[in-house]
C-alpha cells in the first residue's frame, strides 16, 4: 500500500517526539492507524511491539506489570492500552525512545 502524506506526517511527528520524550502516547479512534504506525516504527527502528488486544499478552500485563515492563527489547511499543483495566508500568529508563 502506498504511503500517504498523512502517514508520512504522523511518522515524522512520532519520530520527533520519540527523540525527545521517554514515552509517547498515540491516541485516536478505533481503526485510525495507531497500531499500524507502531508496527512501522518497530520495523524501521527495531524494538518490541506488544499488543494488548492479544488476550495472553493482556493477562501477562495484568498479572505481573513489572515483568511485563521488561518484556522484549528496549524501544517497546504497546498497542491496545484501552483493554488494560488499570495502569500499565511503562519503565524506568530515563532516556528518550
C-alpha atoms as a PDB file:
ATOM      1  CA  UNK A   1       0.000   0.000   0.000  1.00  0.00           C
ATOM      2  CA  UNK A   2       1.453   3.403  -0.933  1.00  0.00           C
ATOM      3  CA  UNK A   3       2.314   5.780   1.884  1.00  0.00           C
ATOM      4  CA  UNK A   4       0.070   8.828   2.099  1.00  0.00           C
ATOM      5  CA  UNK A   5       1.057  12.368   3.079  1.00  0.00           C
ATOM      6  CA  UNK A   6      -0.833  11.907   6.352  1.00  0.00           C
ATOM      7  CA  UNK A   7       1.055   8.685   7.152  1.00  0.00           C
ATOM      8  CA  UNK A   8       4.388  10.382   6.438  1.00  0.00           C
ATOM      9  CA  UNK A   9       3.441  13.364   8.608  1.00  0.00           C
ATOM     10  CA  UNK A  10       2.340  11.154  11.517  1.00  0.00           C
ATOM     11  CA  UNK A  11       5.513   9.085  11.274  1.00  0.00           C
ATOM     12  CA  UNK A  12       7.644  12.222  11.220  1.00  0.00           C
ATOM     13  CA  UNK A  13       5.927  13.656  14.300  1.00  0.00           C
ATOM     14  CA  UNK A  14       6.174  10.350  16.187  1.00  0.00           C
ATOM     15  CA  UNK A  15       9.889  10.084  15.359  1.00  0.00           C
ATOM     16  CA  UNK A  16      10.492  13.652  16.539  1.00  0.00           C
ATOM     17  CA  UNK A  17       8.656  13.043  19.835  1.00  0.00           C
ATOM     18  CA  UNK A  18      10.472   9.742  20.398  1.00  0.00           C
ATOM     19  CA  UNK A  19      13.792  11.546  20.072  1.00  0.00           C
ATOM     20  CA  UNK A  20      12.832  13.850  22.955  1.00  0.00           C
ATOM     21  CA  UNK A  21      10.387  12.032  25.234  1.00  0.00           C
ATOM     22  CA  UNK A  22      10.690   8.729  27.065  1.00  0.00           C
ATOM     23  CA  UNK A  23       7.012   7.877  26.459  1.00  0.00           C
ATOM     24  CA  UNK A  24       4.816   8.895  23.541  1.00  0.00           C
ATOM     25  CA  UNK A  25       1.100   8.076  23.529  1.00  0.00           C
ATOM     26  CA  UNK A  26      -0.728   7.611  20.239  1.00  0.00           C
ATOM     27  CA  UNK A  27      -4.364   8.392  20.907  1.00  0.00           C
ATOM     28  CA  UNK A  28      -7.182   8.214  18.418  1.00  0.00           C
ATOM     29  CA  UNK A  29     -10.392   6.462  17.432  1.00  0.00           C
ATOM     30  CA  UNK A  30     -10.577   2.753  16.681  1.00  0.00           C
ATOM     31  CA  UNK A  31      -9.170   1.694  13.315  1.00  0.00           C
ATOM     32  CA  UNK A  32      -7.360   5.022  12.790  1.00  0.00           C
ATOM     33  CA  UNK A  33      -3.889   3.512  12.254  1.00  0.00           C
ATOM     34  CA  UNK A  34      -2.292   3.711  15.703  1.00  0.00           C
ATOM     35  CA  UNK A  35      -1.092   0.093  15.741  1.00  0.00           C
ATOM     36  CA  UNK A  36      -0.069   0.323  12.094  1.00  0.00           C
ATOM     37  CA  UNK A  37       2.135   3.318  12.945  1.00  0.00           C
ATOM     38  CA  UNK A  38       3.660   1.383  15.868  1.00  0.00           C
ATOM     39  CA  UNK A  39       4.397  -1.555  13.530  1.00  0.00           C
ATOM     40  CA  UNK A  40       6.023   0.777  11.021  1.00  0.00           C
ATOM     41  CA  UNK A  41       8.225   2.338  13.716  1.00  0.00           C
ATOM     42  CA  UNK A  42       9.178  -1.107  15.032  1.00  0.00           C
ATOM     43  CA  UNK A  43      10.141  -2.303  11.547  1.00  0.00           C
ATOM     44  CA  UNK A  44      12.204   0.824  10.995  1.00  0.00           C
ATOM     45  CA  UNK A  45      13.954   1.085  14.379  1.00  0.00           C
ATOM     46  CA  UNK A  46      13.625  -2.331  15.987  1.00  0.00           C
ATOM     47  CA  UNK A  47      12.342  -2.964  19.459  1.00  0.00           C
ATOM     48  CA  UNK A  48       9.314  -4.925  20.552  1.00  0.00           C
ATOM     49  CA  UNK A  49       5.625  -4.407  19.799  1.00  0.00           C
ATOM     50  CA  UNK A  50       3.281  -5.769  22.461  1.00  0.00           C
ATOM     51  CA  UNK A  51      -0.425  -5.806  21.649  1.00  0.00           C
ATOM     52  CA  UNK A  52      -2.918  -5.918  24.500  1.00  0.00           C
ATOM     53  CA  UNK A  53      -5.615  -6.917  22.017  1.00  0.00           C
ATOM     54  CA  UNK A  54      -3.999 -10.357  22.393  1.00  0.00           C
ATOM     55  CA  UNK A  55      -5.578 -11.983  25.472  1.00  0.00           C
ATOM     56  CA  UNK A  56      -2.378 -13.753  26.568  1.00  0.00           C
ATOM     57  CA  UNK A  57      -0.362 -10.512  26.383  1.00  0.00           C
ATOM     58  CA  UNK A  58      -3.085  -8.639  28.261  1.00  0.00           C
ATOM     59  CA  UNK A  59      -3.148 -11.244  31.033  1.00  0.00           C
ATOM     60  CA  UNK A  60       0.653 -11.061  31.332  1.00  0.00           C
ATOM     61  CA  UNK A  61       0.442  -7.275  31.731  1.00  0.00           C
ATOM     62  CA  UNK A  62      -2.281  -7.561  34.376  1.00  0.00           C
ATOM     63  CA  UNK A  63      -0.804 -10.428  36.386  1.00  0.00           C
ATOM     64  CA  UNK A  64       2.765  -9.083  36.607  1.00  0.00           C
ATOM     65  CA  UNK A  65       3.138  -5.490  35.350  1.00  0.00           C
ATOM     66  CA  UNK A  66       6.782  -5.242  36.422  1.00  0.00           C
ATOM     67  CA  UNK A  67       7.797  -8.358  34.471  1.00  0.00           C
ATOM     68  CA  UNK A  68       5.666  -7.161  31.541  1.00  0.00           C
ATOM     69  CA  UNK A  69       7.609  -3.909  31.525  1.00  0.00           C
ATOM     70  CA  UNK A  70      10.818  -5.879  30.935  1.00  0.00           C
ATOM     71  CA  UNK A  71       9.368  -7.937  28.052  1.00  0.00           C
ATOM     72  CA  UNK A  72      11.264  -7.689  24.779  1.00  0.00           C
ATOM     73  CA  UNK A  73      13.895  -5.270  23.603  1.00  0.00           C
ATOM     74  CA  UNK A  74      14.128  -1.620  24.554  1.00  0.00           C
ATOM     75  CA  UNK A  75      12.075   0.502  22.220  1.00  0.00           C
ATOM     76  CA  UNK A  76       8.795  -1.095  23.237  1.00  0.00           C
ATOM     77  CA  UNK A  77       5.511  -0.193  21.646  1.00  0.00           C
ATOM     78  CA  UNK A  78       2.331  -1.188  23.449  1.00  0.00           C
ATOM     79  CA  UNK A  79      -0.898  -1.268  21.445  1.00  0.00           C
ATOM     80  CA  UNK A  80      -4.408  -1.800  22.787  1.00  0.00           C
ATOM     81  CA  UNK A  81      -3.980   0.095  26.057  1.00  0.00           C
ATOM     82  CA  UNK A  82      -7.732   0.640  26.118  1.00  0.00           C
ATOM     83  CA  UNK A  83      -8.053  -3.026  27.092  1.00  0.00           C
ATOM     84  CA  UNK A  84      -5.929  -2.635  30.216  1.00  0.00           C
ATOM     85  CA  UNK A  85      -8.204  -2.257  33.274  1.00  0.00           C
ATOM     86  CA  UNK A  86      -5.501  -0.372  35.176  1.00  0.00           C
ATOM     87  CA  UNK A  87      -2.200   1.347  34.660  1.00  0.00           C
ATOM     88  CA  UNK A  88       0.485  -0.468  32.721  1.00  0.00           C
ATOM     89  CA  UNK A  89       4.029   0.051  34.007  1.00  0.00           C
ATOM     90  CA  UNK A  90       5.987   1.701  31.197  1.00  0.00           C
ATOM     91  CA  UNK A  91       9.515   1.642  32.536  1.00  0.00           C
ATOM     92  CA  UNK A  92      12.126   3.492  34.465  1.00  0.00           C
ATOM     93  CA  UNK A  93      14.760   4.111  31.830  1.00  0.00           C
ATOM     94  CA  UNK A  94      15.321   7.890  31.795  1.00  0.00           C
ATOM     95  CA  UNK A  95      16.387   8.315  28.159  1.00  0.00           C
ATOM     96  CA  UNK A  96      14.053   9.142  25.270  1.00  0.00           C
ATOM     97  CA  UNK A  97      12.710   6.455  22.946  1.00  0.00           C
END
